Amino acid sequence: MQPAIVCERLSRWFGARCVLRDLDLVVPVGCVYGLIGRNGAGKTSTLRMLIGLLAPSRGRAQVLG
């Protein structure tokens, strides 16, 4: 079965500031995960990349194939 979410080397910069570097993540279908971390850790940017509102600077994010 194909995973629900796949991130490979997902990275995002805003100018010279790196907010997310080389995230590798696989979420199987039917699983629930949470994103936790400090302010500026890249949680919102990760979610925005997963739903297509923000383009990654490097890597790829795939949801449901």
Foldseek 3Di string as FASTA:
>chain_A
DAFQKFWAQFWADDVPRTLDGGDTDTHHPPDDDDDDDDPSNCPVVVVCQQVVNDPTPDTHMDGPD
